[in-house]
N, C-alpha and C. Protein backbone atom coordinates (compact mmCIF):
# COMPACT_ATOMS: atom_id res chain seq x y z
N MET A 1 179.23 22.10 -9.42
CA MET A 1 179.25 22.38 -8.01
C MET A 1 179.47 21.07 -7.27
N LYS A 2 180.34 21.08 -6.29
CA LYS A 2 180.58 19.90 -5.47
C LYS A 2 180.21 20.19 -4.03
N ILE A 3 179.56 19.24 -3.40
CA ILE A 3 179.17 19.36 -2.00
C ILE A 3 179.70 18.13 -1.28
N TRP A 4 180.36 18.34 -0.15
CA TRP A 4 180.87 17.24 0.67
C TRP A 4 179.97 17.14 1.89
N ILE A 5 179.32 16.01 2.07
CA ILE A 5 178.47 15.78 3.24
C ILE A 5 179.29 15.00 4.25
N GLU A 6 179.50 15.59 5.41
CA GLU A 6 180.29 14.94 6.46
C GLU A 6 179.53 13.78 7.07
N GLY A 7 180.27 12.81 7.55
CA GLY A 7 179.67 11.70 8.27
C GLY A 7 179.42 10.50 7.38
N ARG A 8 179.03 9.42 8.02
CA ARG A 8 178.77 8.17 7.33
C ARG A 8 177.37 8.17 6.73
N GLY A 9 177.29 7.88 5.45
CA GLY A 9 175.99 7.82 4.79
C GLY A 9 175.17 6.64 5.28
N ILE A 10 173.88 6.84 5.39
CA ILE A 10 172.97 5.78 5.79
C ILE A 10 171.94 5.63 4.69
N GLY A 11 171.74 4.42 4.24
CA GLY A 11 170.81 4.17 3.15
C GLY A 11 169.37 4.47 3.52
N LYS A 12 168.62 4.84 2.51
CA LYS A 12 167.20 5.13 2.70
C LYS A 12 166.50 3.89 3.21
N ALA A 13 165.88 4.02 4.35
CA ALA A 13 165.23 2.88 4.98
C ALA A 13 163.84 2.66 4.38
N ARG A 14 163.46 1.43 4.28
CA ARG A 14 162.10 1.11 3.83
C ARG A 14 161.13 1.50 4.94
N PRO A 15 160.12 2.30 4.62
CA PRO A 15 159.18 2.72 5.67
C PRO A 15 158.36 1.54 6.18
N ARG A 16 158.00 1.61 7.43
CA ARG A 16 157.17 0.58 8.07
C ARG A 16 155.83 1.22 8.42
N PHE A 17 154.77 0.52 8.13
CA PHE A 17 153.43 1.03 8.43
C PHE A 17 152.91 0.37 9.69
N SER A 18 152.28 1.18 10.52
CA SER A 18 151.73 0.61 11.75
C SER A 18 150.46 -0.18 11.43
N SER A 19 150.13 -1.08 12.32
CA SER A 19 148.92 -1.88 12.11
C SER A 19 147.66 -1.07 12.40
N ARG A 20 147.82 0.02 13.12
CA ARG A 20 146.68 0.89 13.44
C ARG A 20 146.81 2.19 12.66
N GLY A 21 145.91 2.42 11.77
CA GLY A 21 145.93 3.67 11.02
C GLY A 21 146.97 3.66 9.92
N ARG A 22 147.31 4.83 9.47
CA ARG A 22 148.25 4.97 8.36
C ARG A 22 149.52 5.70 8.79
N VAL A 23 150.03 5.38 9.95
CA VAL A 23 151.24 6.01 10.46
C VAL A 23 152.45 5.32 9.85
N VAL A 24 153.38 6.12 9.34
CA VAL A 24 154.59 5.58 8.73
C VAL A 24 155.75 5.79 9.69
N HIS A 25 156.51 4.73 9.93
CA HIS A 25 157.68 4.81 10.80
C HIS A 25 158.93 4.58 9.96
N THR A 26 159.95 5.40 10.17
CA THR A 26 161.23 5.16 9.52
C THR A 26 162.27 4.85 10.58
N GLU A 27 163.34 4.21 10.17
CA GLU A 27 164.39 3.83 11.09
C GLU A 27 164.97 5.07 11.77
N THR A 28 165.18 5.01 13.06
CA THR A 28 165.66 6.15 13.84
C THR A 28 167.00 6.66 13.34
N ARG A 29 167.94 5.75 13.07
CA ARG A 29 169.26 6.19 12.59
C ARG A 29 169.13 6.98 11.29
N TYR A 30 168.27 6.50 10.38
CA TYR A 30 168.08 7.19 9.11
C TYR A 30 167.45 8.57 9.33
N SER A 31 166.46 8.65 10.19
CA SER A 31 165.81 9.94 10.48
C SER A 31 166.80 10.95 11.03
N HIS A 32 167.65 10.52 11.96
CA HIS A 32 168.66 11.42 12.53
C HIS A 32 169.69 11.83 11.48
N TRP A 33 170.12 10.86 10.66
CA TRP A 33 171.09 11.15 9.62
C TRP A 33 170.53 12.16 8.62
N LYS A 34 169.28 11.94 8.20
CA LYS A 34 168.67 12.83 7.20
C LYS A 34 168.52 14.24 7.78
N LYS A 35 168.10 14.36 9.03
CA LYS A 35 167.95 15.67 9.67
C LYS A 35 169.29 16.40 9.71
N ASP A 36 170.37 15.70 10.07
CA ASP A 36 171.70 16.29 10.10
C ASP A 36 172.17 16.69 8.69
N THR A 37 171.89 15.85 7.71
CA THR A 37 172.29 16.14 6.33
C THR A 37 171.54 17.34 5.78
N VAL A 38 170.26 17.45 6.08
CA VAL A 38 169.48 18.62 5.66
C VAL A 38 170.09 19.90 6.25
N LYS A 39 170.48 19.85 7.53
CA LYS A 39 171.12 21.01 8.17
C LYS A 39 172.40 21.39 7.45
N GLN A 40 173.21 20.36 7.10
CA GLN A 40 174.46 20.63 6.40
C GLN A 40 174.21 21.28 5.05
N ILE A 41 173.22 20.79 4.32
CA ILE A 41 172.91 21.34 3.00
C ILE A 41 172.40 22.77 3.13
N LYS A 42 171.49 23.01 4.08
CA LYS A 42 170.95 24.36 4.28
C LYS A 42 172.03 25.35 4.69
N SER A 43 173.01 24.89 5.47
CA SER A 43 174.07 25.79 5.95
C SER A 43 174.95 26.30 4.81
N LEU A 44 174.91 25.66 3.66
CA LEU A 44 175.71 26.09 2.52
C LEU A 44 175.14 27.33 1.84
N GLY A 45 173.86 27.62 2.08
CA GLY A 45 173.25 28.81 1.50
C GLY A 45 173.13 28.75 -0.01
N LEU A 46 172.89 27.57 -0.54
CA LEU A 46 172.78 27.41 -1.98
C LEU A 46 171.46 27.98 -2.50
N PRO A 47 171.46 28.48 -3.74
CA PRO A 47 170.20 28.97 -4.30
C PRO A 47 169.27 27.81 -4.62
N ARG A 48 167.98 28.09 -4.66
CA ARG A 48 166.99 27.06 -4.99
C ARG A 48 167.15 26.69 -6.46
N VAL A 49 167.09 25.43 -6.76
CA VAL A 49 167.25 24.93 -8.13
C VAL A 49 165.88 24.84 -8.78
N LEU A 50 165.72 25.53 -9.93
CA LEU A 50 164.42 25.57 -10.59
C LEU A 50 164.39 24.78 -11.89
N VAL A 51 165.50 24.17 -12.25
CA VAL A 51 165.58 23.38 -13.47
C VAL A 51 166.09 21.99 -13.13
N PRO A 52 165.84 21.01 -13.98
CA PRO A 52 166.37 19.66 -13.71
C PRO A 52 167.89 19.67 -13.64
N VAL A 53 168.44 18.86 -12.77
CA VAL A 53 169.89 18.77 -12.61
C VAL A 53 170.31 17.31 -12.56
N LYS A 54 171.58 17.09 -12.77
CA LYS A 54 172.16 15.75 -12.63
C LYS A 54 172.86 15.71 -11.29
N VAL A 55 172.65 14.65 -10.54
CA VAL A 55 173.28 14.50 -9.24
C VAL A 55 174.15 13.25 -9.28
N ASP A 56 175.45 13.43 -9.05
CA ASP A 56 176.37 12.30 -8.92
C ASP A 56 176.74 12.18 -7.46
N CYS A 57 176.71 10.98 -6.93
CA CYS A 57 177.08 10.75 -5.54
C CYS A 57 178.28 9.81 -5.49
N TRP A 58 179.27 10.18 -4.72
CA TRP A 58 180.43 9.33 -4.49
C TRP A 58 180.47 9.02 -3.02
N PHE A 59 180.49 7.76 -2.67
CA PHE A 59 180.53 7.34 -1.28
C PHE A 59 181.87 6.68 -1.01
N VAL A 60 182.50 7.09 0.06
CA VAL A 60 183.82 6.57 0.41
C VAL A 60 183.67 5.55 1.54
N ASN A 61 184.20 4.36 1.32
CA ASN A 61 184.21 3.30 2.33
C ASN A 61 182.83 2.97 2.89
N PHE A 62 181.87 2.71 2.03
CA PHE A 62 180.55 2.34 2.54
C PHE A 62 180.36 0.83 2.40
N PHE A 63 179.75 0.24 3.40
CA PHE A 63 179.49 -1.19 3.39
C PHE A 63 178.10 -1.50 3.93
N SER A 64 177.39 -0.48 4.38
CA SER A 64 176.16 -0.73 5.12
C SER A 64 174.90 -0.81 4.27
N SER A 65 174.96 -0.44 3.00
CA SER A 65 173.73 -0.36 2.23
C SER A 65 174.04 -0.45 0.74
N ASP A 66 173.02 -0.75 -0.05
CA ASP A 66 173.18 -0.70 -1.49
C ASP A 66 173.33 0.75 -1.92
N SER A 67 174.04 0.98 -3.00
CA SER A 67 174.28 2.35 -3.45
C SER A 67 172.98 3.07 -3.81
N ASP A 68 171.99 2.37 -4.35
CA ASP A 68 170.73 3.04 -4.70
C ASP A 68 170.01 3.54 -3.45
N ASN A 69 170.13 2.83 -2.33
CA ASN A 69 169.53 3.30 -1.08
C ASN A 69 170.29 4.50 -0.53
N LEU A 70 171.61 4.53 -0.70
CA LEU A 70 172.41 5.68 -0.25
C LEU A 70 172.06 6.92 -1.07
N VAL A 71 171.95 6.75 -2.38
CA VAL A 71 171.57 7.88 -3.25
C VAL A 71 170.16 8.35 -2.91
N GLY A 72 169.25 7.42 -2.64
CA GLY A 72 167.89 7.79 -2.26
C GLY A 72 167.86 8.66 -1.01
N GLY A 73 168.72 8.35 -0.05
CA GLY A 73 168.81 9.17 1.16
C GLY A 73 169.28 10.58 0.86
N ILE A 74 170.29 10.70 0.01
CA ILE A 74 170.81 12.03 -0.38
C ILE A 74 169.73 12.82 -1.10
N LEU A 75 169.03 12.18 -2.03
CA LEU A 75 167.97 12.88 -2.77
C LEU A 75 166.84 13.31 -1.83
N ASP A 76 166.47 12.47 -0.88
CA ASP A 76 165.45 12.85 0.10
C ASP A 76 165.89 14.09 0.88
N ALA A 77 167.16 14.11 1.30
CA ALA A 77 167.67 15.25 2.07
C ALA A 77 167.68 16.52 1.21
N MET A 78 168.05 16.38 -0.07
CA MET A 78 168.06 17.55 -0.95
C MET A 78 166.66 18.11 -1.14
N VAL A 79 165.68 17.23 -1.31
CA VAL A 79 164.29 17.68 -1.48
C VAL A 79 163.82 18.37 -0.21
N GLU A 80 164.12 17.78 0.95
CA GLU A 80 163.69 18.39 2.20
C GLU A 80 164.37 19.73 2.44
N ALA A 81 165.61 19.87 1.96
CA ALA A 81 166.33 21.14 2.13
C ALA A 81 165.85 22.18 1.11
N VAL A 82 164.94 21.80 0.23
CA VAL A 82 164.33 22.65 -0.79
C VAL A 82 165.38 23.21 -1.75
N LEU A 83 166.15 22.31 -2.30
CA LEU A 83 167.12 22.72 -3.33
C LEU A 83 166.48 22.60 -4.69
């Protein structure tokens, strides 16, 4: 199965912890990108995956992040989309 995610990929941002309490902040661009990517994945109507799978990611013309951070963002979106 192949899925094309529209738009520019944004690498998984390192979370920042506030000095007060245990509040975690993530980069705004990453949060917006992940929310949009989750919507795109959910709109495909894919069945829930109940067995381990292999995920290959191909990024076209990326310069903004290391590939492991880009893959981490995709995996986070897939988990949130409950695939």
